[in-house]
Amino acid sequence: MSSYIIPLIITAAACYSLKKRLDVYSLLTCGAEDGLKIMLRILPNLIILLSGVYMLRASGALDMITTLLTPAFRFLGIPPETAPLVLIRPLSGSAALAVAADIMRTYGVDSQIGRTAAIMLGSTETTFYTIAVYFGAAGVKKTRWAVPAALAADLTGFVMAAVTARLF
């Protein structure tokens, strides 16, 4: 059933447009043009963000930051082995999936560390990516409290993931 939803929506929109005697083709090209404008507004933010994530991983800075933050992670109850995931998740979802896969390959999916990584992936967001895309699309220049609030929510998700993984 779910494979028919998009064709049904497109068919319904086309039928509605025909009933209202609208020029469907010009409406589609206008929508595509607007989509390209939004993409051009978002693209620089995404290029910078993804380049930064790649440089962070390739330079070894991520490993150095992980080593420095290990005591803080232990204090918060977060397994230090998941520190790379904590640092990468707010930046990039695909990089976070790669880090989590590496964690699970190393420690096992049923280990406390593996369960913690899985819960972290499900309970946190790619904050900077999301802000870059949505605020870039909307043309928002000043994020005000959005970034600190989102990062506080992510930290809460990471800590609660560690607590939850210990319970099961």
N, C-alpha and C. Protein backbone atom coordinates (compact mmCIF):
# COMPACT_ATOMS: atom_id res chain seq x y z
N MET A 1 0.82 -1.19 0.00
CA MET A 1 0.00 0.00 0.00
C MET A 1 0.87 1.26 0.00
N SER A 2 1.94 1.24 0.78
CA SER A 2 2.76 2.44 0.89
C SER A 2 3.44 2.81 -0.42
N SER A 3 3.67 1.85 -1.30
CA SER A 3 4.29 2.16 -2.59
C SER A 3 3.34 2.90 -3.52
N TYR A 4 2.07 2.94 -3.20
CA TYR A 4 1.09 3.63 -4.04
C TYR A 4 0.79 5.05 -3.56
N ILE A 5 1.28 5.44 -2.40
CA ILE A 5 0.90 6.73 -1.83
C ILE A 5 1.38 7.90 -2.70
N ILE A 6 2.65 7.90 -3.08
CA ILE A 6 3.18 9.02 -3.87
C ILE A 6 2.50 9.10 -5.24
N PRO A 7 2.36 7.99 -5.99
CA PRO A 7 1.62 8.10 -7.26
C PRO A 7 0.18 8.58 -7.06
N LEU A 8 -0.47 8.17 -5.96
CA LEU A 8 -1.83 8.63 -5.69
C LEU A 8 -1.87 10.13 -5.41
N ILE A 9 -0.89 10.63 -4.66
CA ILE A 9 -0.84 12.07 -4.38
C ILE A 9 -0.61 12.86 -5.67
N ILE A 10 0.30 12.39 -6.51
CA ILE A 10 0.57 13.06 -7.78
C ILE A 10 -0.67 13.03 -8.68
N THR A 11 -1.34 11.89 -8.74
CA THR A 11 -2.55 11.77 -9.55
C THR A 11 -3.65 12.69 -9.02
N ALA A 12 -3.81 12.74 -7.71
CA ALA A 12 -4.83 13.61 -7.11
C ALA A 12 -4.52 15.08 -7.39
N ALA A 13 -3.24 15.47 -7.29
CA ALA A 13 -2.87 16.85 -7.59
C ALA A 13 -3.12 17.18 -9.05
N ALA A 14 -2.82 16.25 -9.95
CA ALA A 14 -3.04 16.47 -11.37
C ALA A 14 -4.54 16.59 -11.67
N CYS A 15 -5.34 15.72 -11.07
CA CYS A 15 -6.79 15.79 -11.28
C CYS A 15 -7.37 17.09 -10.74
N TYR A 16 -6.93 17.51 -9.59
CA TYR A 16 -7.38 18.77 -9.00
C TYR A 16 -7.02 19.94 -9.91
N SER A 17 -5.78 19.92 -10.41
CA SER A 17 -5.32 21.00 -11.30
C SER A 17 -6.13 21.02 -12.59
N LEU A 18 -6.42 19.85 -13.15
CA LEU A 18 -7.23 19.79 -14.37
C LEU A 18 -8.65 20.29 -14.11
N LYS A 19 -9.20 19.94 -12.97
CA LYS A 19 -10.56 20.39 -12.61
C LYS A 19 -10.60 21.90 -12.48
N LYS A 20 -9.55 22.49 -11.91
CA LYS A 20 -9.48 23.94 -11.74
C LYS A 20 -8.97 24.65 -13.01
N ARG A 21 -8.65 23.86 -14.03
CA ARG A 21 -8.14 24.36 -15.32
C ARG A 21 -6.84 25.15 -15.14
N LEU A 22 -5.93 24.59 -14.35
CA LEU A 22 -4.62 25.18 -14.14
C LEU A 22 -3.62 24.57 -15.10
N ASP A 23 -2.58 25.34 -15.44
CA ASP A 23 -1.52 24.84 -16.31
C ASP A 23 -0.54 24.02 -15.44
N VAL A 24 -0.72 22.71 -15.44
CA VAL A 24 0.05 21.82 -14.57
C VAL A 24 1.54 21.90 -14.87
N TYR A 25 1.90 21.93 -16.14
CA TYR A 25 3.32 21.95 -16.51
C TYR A 25 4.02 23.21 -15.99
N SER A 26 3.39 24.37 -16.14
CA SER A 26 4.03 25.60 -15.65
C SER A 26 4.11 25.61 -14.13
N LEU A 27 3.14 25.02 -13.47
CA LEU A 27 3.20 24.93 -12.01
C LEU A 27 4.35 24.01 -11.57
N LEU A 28 4.54 22.89 -12.29
CA LEU A 28 5.64 21.98 -11.97
C LEU A 28 7.00 22.64 -12.20
N THR A 29 7.15 23.35 -13.31
CA THR A 29 8.43 24.01 -13.57
C THR A 29 8.68 25.14 -12.58
N CYS A 30 7.63 25.84 -12.17
CA CYS A 30 7.78 26.89 -11.15
C CYS A 30 8.22 26.28 -9.81
N GLY A 31 7.64 25.14 -9.46
CA GLY A 31 8.02 24.46 -8.23
C GLY A 31 9.46 23.95 -8.28
N ALA A 32 9.85 23.42 -9.44
CA ALA A 32 11.24 22.95 -9.61
C ALA A 32 12.21 24.12 -9.51
N GLU A 33 11.84 25.26 -10.07
CA GLU A 33 12.70 26.45 -9.99
C GLU A 33 12.86 26.91 -8.54
N ASP A 34 11.76 26.90 -7.80
CA ASP A 34 11.85 27.26 -6.38
C ASP A 34 12.72 26.28 -5.60
N GLY A 35 12.61 24.99 -5.94
CA GLY A 35 13.44 23.98 -5.29
C GLY A 35 14.92 24.20 -5.56
N LEU A 36 15.26 24.58 -6.78
CA LEU A 36 16.66 24.87 -7.11
C LEU A 36 17.16 26.10 -6.36
N LYS A 37 16.32 27.11 -6.21
CA LYS A 37 16.72 28.30 -5.45
C LYS A 37 17.03 27.94 -4.00
N ILE A 38 16.18 27.10 -3.42
CA ILE A 38 16.40 26.67 -2.03
C ILE A 38 17.69 25.87 -1.93
N MET A 39 17.91 24.97 -2.91
CA MET A 39 19.14 24.17 -2.90
C MET A 39 20.37 25.06 -2.97
N LEU A 40 20.33 26.10 -3.80
CA LEU A 40 21.47 27.00 -3.90
C LEU A 40 21.71 27.77 -2.61
N ARG A 41 20.65 28.04 -1.85
CA ARG A 41 20.80 28.71 -0.56
C ARG A 41 21.39 27.78 0.49
N ILE A 42 21.04 26.49 0.42
CA ILE A 42 21.47 25.51 1.42
C ILE A 42 22.86 24.95 1.12
N LEU A 43 23.19 24.78 -0.14
CA LEU A 43 24.39 24.07 -0.56
C LEU A 43 25.69 24.58 0.08
N PRO A 44 25.96 25.89 0.15
CA PRO A 44 27.21 26.33 0.78
C PRO A 44 27.33 25.88 2.24
N ASN A 45 26.23 25.94 2.98
CA ASN A 45 26.25 25.49 4.38
C ASN A 45 26.61 24.01 4.47
N LEU A 46 26.01 23.20 3.60
CA LEU A 46 26.27 21.76 3.63
C LEU A 46 27.70 21.43 3.23
N ILE A 47 28.22 22.13 2.24
CA ILE A 47 29.60 21.88 1.81
C ILE A 47 30.57 22.18 2.95
N ILE A 48 30.37 23.29 3.62
CA ILE A 48 31.25 23.66 4.74
C ILE A 48 31.13 22.64 5.87
N LEU A 49 29.91 22.27 6.21
CA LEU A 49 29.69 21.33 7.30
C LEU A 49 30.30 19.96 7.01
N LEU A 50 30.06 19.41 5.83
CA LEU A 50 30.57 18.09 5.51
C LEU A 50 32.09 18.11 5.34
N SER A 51 32.64 19.19 4.81
CA SER A 51 34.11 19.31 4.71
C SER A 51 34.74 19.36 6.10
N GLY A 52 34.10 20.08 7.00
CA GLY A 52 34.61 20.17 8.37
C GLY A 52 34.61 18.82 9.06
N VAL A 53 33.55 18.04 8.88
CA VAL A 53 33.48 16.71 9.49
C VAL A 53 34.59 15.82 8.93
N TYR A 54 34.78 15.86 7.61
CA TYR A 54 35.83 15.04 7.00
C TYR A 54 37.20 15.44 7.53
N MET A 55 37.47 16.74 7.62
CA MET A 55 38.78 17.20 8.11
C MET A 55 38.98 16.82 9.57
N LEU A 56 37.91 16.89 10.36
CA LEU A 56 38.01 16.52 11.77
C LEU A 56 38.40 15.06 11.93
N ARG A 57 37.80 14.20 11.13
CA ARG A 57 38.13 12.76 11.22
C ARG A 57 39.49 12.46 10.62
N ALA A 58 39.81 13.05 9.47
CA ALA A 58 41.05 12.73 8.77
C ALA A 58 42.29 13.27 9.47
N SER A 59 42.14 14.38 10.19
CA SER A 59 43.30 15.01 10.82
C SER A 59 43.72 14.33 12.12
N GLY A 60 42.86 13.51 12.68
CA GLY A 60 43.16 12.90 13.97
C GLY A 60 42.71 13.76 15.13
N ALA A 61 42.13 14.92 14.83
CA ALA A 61 41.65 15.81 15.89
C ALA A 61 40.52 15.16 16.69
N LEU A 62 39.72 14.36 16.04
CA LEU A 62 38.63 13.67 16.74
C LEU A 62 39.17 12.74 17.81
N ASP A 63 40.23 12.00 17.50
CA ASP A 63 40.85 11.11 18.48
C ASP A 63 41.45 11.89 19.64
N MET A 64 42.08 13.03 19.34
CA MET A 64 42.68 13.85 20.38
C MET A 64 41.60 14.43 21.30
N ILE A 65 40.51 14.93 20.72
CA ILE A 65 39.41 15.48 21.52
C ILE A 65 38.78 14.39 22.37
N THR A 66 38.64 13.20 21.80
CA THR A 66 38.08 12.06 22.54
C THR A 66 38.93 11.75 23.76
N THR A 67 40.23 11.73 23.60
CA THR A 67 41.14 11.46 24.72
C THR A 67 41.02 12.53 25.80
N LEU A 68 40.92 13.78 25.37
CA LEU A 68 40.81 14.88 26.33
C LEU A 68 39.49 14.86 27.10
N LEU A 69 38.43 14.43 26.45
CA LEU A 69 37.11 14.47 27.07
C LEU A 69 36.73 13.18 27.81
N THR A 70 37.59 12.18 27.79
CA THR A 70 37.28 10.91 28.45
C THR A 70 36.88 11.08 29.91
N PRO A 71 37.60 11.89 30.73
CA PRO A 71 37.17 12.06 32.12
C PRO A 71 35.76 12.66 32.24
N ALA A 72 35.43 13.60 31.39
CA ALA A 72 34.10 14.21 31.44
C ALA A 72 33.03 13.19 31.07
N PHE A 73 33.31 12.34 30.08
CA PHE A 73 32.36 11.31 29.70
C PHE A 73 32.16 10.31 30.83
N ARG A 74 33.23 9.94 31.49
CA ARG A 74 33.10 9.02 32.63
C ARG A 74 32.25 9.65 33.73
N PHE A 75 32.47 10.94 33.99
CA PHE A 75 31.71 11.65 35.02
C PHE A 75 30.22 11.67 34.67
N LEU A 76 29.88 11.86 33.40
CA LEU A 76 28.48 11.89 32.97
C LEU A 76 27.87 10.51 32.83
N GLY A 77 28.69 9.47 32.95
CA GLY A 77 28.18 8.11 32.83
C GLY A 77 28.12 7.60 31.41
N ILE A 78 28.75 8.32 30.49
CA ILE A 78 28.78 7.92 29.09
C ILE A 78 30.03 7.07 28.86
N PRO A 79 29.90 5.87 28.31
CA PRO A 79 31.10 5.07 28.04
C PRO A 79 32.07 5.84 27.14
N PRO A 80 33.32 5.97 27.54
CA PRO A 80 34.30 6.73 26.74
C PRO A 80 34.46 6.18 25.32
N GLU A 81 34.17 4.91 25.13
CA GLU A 81 34.29 4.31 23.80
C GLU A 81 33.29 4.91 22.81
N THR A 82 32.22 5.51 23.33
CA THR A 82 31.22 6.13 22.45
C THR A 82 31.50 7.62 22.22
N ALA A 83 32.60 8.12 22.75
CA ALA A 83 32.91 9.55 22.61
C ALA A 83 32.98 10.01 21.16
N PRO A 84 33.58 9.24 20.24
CA PRO A 84 33.56 9.70 18.84
C PRO A 84 32.14 9.87 18.29
N LEU A 85 31.24 9.01 18.71
CA LEU A 85 29.85 9.12 18.27
C LEU A 85 29.21 10.38 18.84
N VAL A 86 29.48 10.66 20.11
CA VAL A 86 28.94 11.86 20.75
C VAL A 86 29.42 13.12 20.03
N LEU A 87 30.66 13.11 19.61
CA LEU A 87 31.23 14.29 18.96
C LEU A 87 30.78 14.45 17.51
N ILE A 88 30.57 13.35 16.81
CA ILE A 88 30.23 13.40 15.38
C ILE A 88 28.72 13.51 15.14
N ARG A 89 27.91 12.92 15.99
CA ARG A 89 26.46 12.86 15.75
C ARG A 89 25.82 14.24 15.49
N PRO A 90 26.14 15.28 16.24
CA PRO A 90 25.51 16.58 15.95
C PRO A 90 25.91 17.16 14.60
N LEU A 91 26.96 16.64 13.99
CA LEU A 91 27.46 17.19 12.73
C LEU A 91 26.97 16.44 11.51
N SER A 92 27.02 15.12 11.56
CA SER A 92 26.73 14.34 10.35
C SER A 92 26.11 13.00 10.70
N GLY A 93 24.98 12.72 10.09
CA GLY A 93 24.31 11.45 10.32
C GLY A 93 25.05 10.28 9.70
N SER A 94 25.56 10.45 8.48
CA SER A 94 26.25 9.35 7.83
C SER A 94 27.58 9.03 8.53
N ALA A 95 28.29 10.07 8.97
CA ALA A 95 29.53 9.82 9.71
C ALA A 95 29.21 9.15 11.05
N ALA A 96 28.11 9.56 11.68
CA ALA A 96 27.71 8.94 12.95
C ALA A 96 27.36 7.47 12.75
N LEU A 97 26.70 7.15 11.65
CA LEU A 97 26.39 5.74 11.37
C LEU A 97 27.67 4.93 11.17
N ALA A 98 28.65 5.51 10.50
CA ALA A 98 29.92 4.82 10.29
C ALA A 98 30.63 4.59 11.62
N VAL A 99 30.64 5.61 12.49
CA VAL A 99 31.28 5.48 13.81
C VAL A 99 30.54 4.42 14.63
N ALA A 100 29.20 4.46 14.61
CA ALA A 100 28.42 3.48 15.38
C ALA A 100 28.65 2.07 14.86
N ALA A 101 28.72 1.90 13.56
CA ALA A 101 28.99 0.58 13.00
C ALA A 101 30.36 0.07 13.45
N ASP A 102 31.33 0.97 13.49
CA ASP A 102 32.66 0.59 13.96
C ASP A 102 32.63 0.21 15.44
N ILE A 103 31.89 0.96 16.24
CA ILE A 103 31.76 0.65 17.67
C ILE A 103 31.12 -0.72 17.84
N MET A 104 30.06 -0.98 17.10
CA MET A 104 29.36 -2.26 17.24
C MET A 104 30.18 -3.43 16.71
N ARG A 105 30.96 -3.19 15.67
CA ARG A 105 31.85 -4.23 15.15
C ARG A 105 32.93 -4.57 16.18
N THR A 106 33.43 -3.54 16.87
CA THR A 106 34.50 -3.73 17.85
C THR A 106 34.00 -4.37 19.14
N TYR A 107 32.87 -3.86 19.67
CA TYR A 107 32.40 -4.29 21.00
C TYR A 107 31.21 -5.23 20.96
N GLY A 108 30.57 -5.36 19.81
CA GLY A 108 29.40 -6.23 19.69
C GLY A 108 28.11 -5.45 19.87
N VAL A 109 27.08 -5.91 19.17
CA VAL A 109 25.80 -5.19 19.23
C VAL A 109 25.07 -5.40 20.54
N ASP A 110 25.34 -6.50 21.22
CA ASP A 110 24.65 -6.78 22.48
C ASP A 110 25.43 -6.33 23.70
N SER A 111 26.59 -5.73 23.50
CA SER A 111 27.35 -5.22 24.64
C SER A 111 26.72 -3.91 25.12
N GLN A 112 27.06 -3.51 26.33
CA GLN A 112 26.54 -2.25 26.85
C GLN A 112 26.96 -1.09 25.95
N ILE A 113 28.18 -1.13 25.47
CA ILE A 113 28.68 -0.05 24.59
C ILE A 113 27.92 -0.06 23.27
N GLY A 114 27.67 -1.22 22.70
CA GLY A 114 26.91 -1.32 21.46
C GLY A 114 25.48 -0.85 21.62
N ARG A 115 24.83 -1.26 22.73
CA ARG A 115 23.46 -0.80 22.99
C ARG A 115 23.43 0.70 23.21
N THR A 116 24.44 1.22 23.92
CA THR A 116 24.50 2.67 24.16
C THR A 116 24.62 3.42 22.84
N ALA A 117 25.46 2.94 21.95
CA ALA A 117 25.62 3.58 20.64
C ALA A 117 24.32 3.55 19.85
N ALA A 118 23.62 2.42 19.88
CA ALA A 118 22.36 2.30 19.15
C ALA A 118 21.31 3.27 19.72
N ILE A 119 21.23 3.36 21.02
CA ILE A 119 20.26 4.27 21.63
C ILE A 119 20.64 5.72 21.36
N MET A 120 21.93 6.00 21.35
CA MET A 120 22.38 7.37 21.05
C MET A 120 21.96 7.78 19.64
N LEU A 121 22.09 6.86 18.69
CA LEU A 121 21.68 7.18 17.32
C LEU A 121 20.20 7.49 17.23
N GLY A 122 19.40 6.78 18.02
CA GLY A 122 17.96 6.97 17.96
C GLY A 122 17.44 8.13 18.79
N SER A 123 18.21 8.59 19.76
CA SER A 123 17.69 9.61 20.67
C SER A 123 18.36 10.98 20.50
N THR A 124 19.17 11.13 19.47
CA THR A 124 19.82 12.43 19.23
C THR A 124 19.61 12.83 17.78
N GLU A 125 20.00 14.05 17.48
CA GLU A 125 19.76 14.61 16.15
C GLU A 125 21.07 15.12 15.56
N THR A 126 21.10 15.20 14.26
CA THR A 126 22.23 15.83 13.57
C THR A 126 21.99 17.33 13.59
N THR A 127 22.22 17.92 14.75
CA THR A 127 21.82 19.29 15.05
C THR A 127 22.32 20.30 14.03
N PHE A 128 23.61 20.34 13.79
CA PHE A 128 24.15 21.37 12.90
C PHE A 128 23.71 21.15 11.46
N TYR A 129 23.58 19.91 11.04
CA TYR A 129 23.09 19.62 9.70
C TYR A 129 21.65 20.12 9.56
N THR A 130 20.82 19.79 10.55
CA THR A 130 19.42 20.19 10.52
C THR A 130 19.28 21.70 10.52
N ILE A 131 20.06 22.36 11.37
CA ILE A 131 19.99 23.82 11.43
C ILE A 131 20.47 24.43 10.12
N ALA A 132 21.53 23.88 9.55
CA ALA A 132 22.03 24.40 8.27
C ALA A 132 20.98 24.25 7.18
N VAL A 133 20.31 23.12 7.12
CA VAL A 133 19.33 22.89 6.07
C VAL A 133 18.07 23.73 6.28
N TYR A 134 17.47 23.63 7.46
CA TYR A 134 16.19 24.30 7.67
C TYR A 134 16.33 25.81 7.81
N PHE A 135 17.30 26.26 8.56
CA PHE A 135 17.49 27.70 8.69
C PHE A 135 17.98 28.29 7.38
N GLY A 136 18.81 27.53 6.63
CA GLY A 136 19.26 28.00 5.32
C GLY A 136 18.11 28.10 4.35
N ALA A 137 17.21 27.13 4.38
CA ALA A 137 16.05 27.16 3.48
C ALA A 137 15.10 28.30 3.82
N ALA A 138 14.98 28.59 5.11
CA ALA A 138 14.08 29.66 5.53
C ALA A 138 14.75 31.03 5.50
N GLY A 139 16.05 31.07 5.28
CA GLY A 139 16.77 32.34 5.23
C GLY A 139 17.04 32.94 6.59
N VAL A 140 17.02 32.10 7.65
CA VAL A 140 17.28 32.60 9.01
C VAL A 140 18.77 32.83 9.17
N LYS A 141 19.15 34.02 9.59
CA LYS A 141 20.57 34.35 9.77
C LYS A 141 21.00 34.23 11.24
N LYS A 142 20.14 34.62 12.16
CA LYS A 142 20.47 34.58 13.59
C LYS A 142 19.72 33.41 14.24
N THR A 143 20.48 32.46 14.73
CA THR A 143 19.87 31.26 15.30
C THR A 143 19.48 31.44 16.77
N ARG A 144 19.97 32.51 17.39
CA ARG A 144 19.68 32.81 18.80
C ARG A 144 19.93 31.61 19.70
N TRP A 145 18.89 31.11 20.33
CA TRP A 145 19.03 30.03 21.31
C TRP A 145 18.80 28.66 20.70
N ALA A 146 18.58 28.58 19.41
CA ALA A 146 18.29 27.28 18.79
C ALA A 146 19.47 26.32 18.93
N VAL A 147 20.68 26.78 18.67
CA VAL A 147 21.85 25.90 18.75
C VAL A 147 22.11 25.45 20.18
N PRO A 148 22.20 26.36 21.18
CA PRO A 148 22.42 25.88 22.55
C PRO A 148 21.30 24.96 23.05
N ALA A 149 20.05 25.25 22.70
CA ALA A 149 18.94 24.40 23.14
C ALA A 149 19.03 23.02 22.49
N ALA A 150 19.36 22.98 21.21
CA ALA A 150 19.47 21.70 20.51
C ALA A 150 20.64 20.88 21.05
N LEU A 151 21.77 21.54 21.33
CA LEU A 151 22.91 20.81 21.88
C LEU A 151 22.62 20.31 23.30
N ALA A 152 21.87 21.08 24.08
CA ALA A 152 21.48 20.62 25.42
C ALA A 152 20.57 19.39 25.30
N ALA A 153 19.67 19.40 24.32
CA ALA A 153 18.81 18.23 24.09
C ALA A 153 19.64 17.03 23.66
N ASP A 154 20.64 17.26 22.80
CA ASP A 154 21.52 16.16 22.39
C ASP A 154 22.28 15.59 23.58
N LEU A 155 22.83 16.45 24.42
CA LEU A 155 23.57 15.98 25.60
C LEU A 155 22.66 15.16 26.50
N THR A 156 21.43 15.61 26.67
CA THR A 156 20.46 14.86 27.47
C THR A 156 20.21 13.49 26.83
N GLY A 157 20.09 13.46 25.51
CA GLY A 157 19.89 12.19 24.81
C GLY A 157 21.07 11.25 24.99
N PHE A 158 22.30 11.79 24.94
CA PHE A 158 23.48 10.95 25.11
C PHE A 158 23.55 10.37 26.53
N VAL A 159 23.29 11.21 27.52
CA VAL A 159 23.35 10.74 28.91
C VAL A 159 22.24 9.73 29.18
N MET A 160 21.03 10.01 28.70
CA MET A 160 19.93 9.07 28.92
C MET A 160 20.16 7.76 28.16
N ALA A 161 20.83 7.82 27.02
CA ALA A 161 21.16 6.60 26.29
C ALA A 161 22.08 5.73 27.12
N ALA A 162 23.07 6.36 27.76
CA ALA A 162 24.01 5.60 28.59
C ALA A 162 23.29 4.98 29.79
N VAL A 163 22.38 5.74 30.39
CA VAL A 163 21.61 5.23 31.54
C VAL A 163 20.70 4.09 31.10
N THR A 164 20.01 4.27 30.00
CA THR A 164 19.08 3.25 29.51
C THR A 164 19.79 1.96 29.13
N ALA A 165 20.95 2.08 28.49
CA ALA A 165 21.69 0.89 28.08
C ALA A 165 22.15 0.09 29.29
N ARG A 166 22.41 0.77 30.41
CA ARG A 166 22.82 0.05 31.63
C ARG A 166 21.66 -0.72 32.22
N LEU A 167 20.42 -0.25 32.00
CA LEU A 167 19.26 -0.91 32.58
C LEU A 167 18.91 -2.22 31.89
N PHE A 168 19.28 -2.34 30.62
CA PHE A 168 18.87 -3.53 29.86
C PHE A 168 20.03 -4.40 29.60
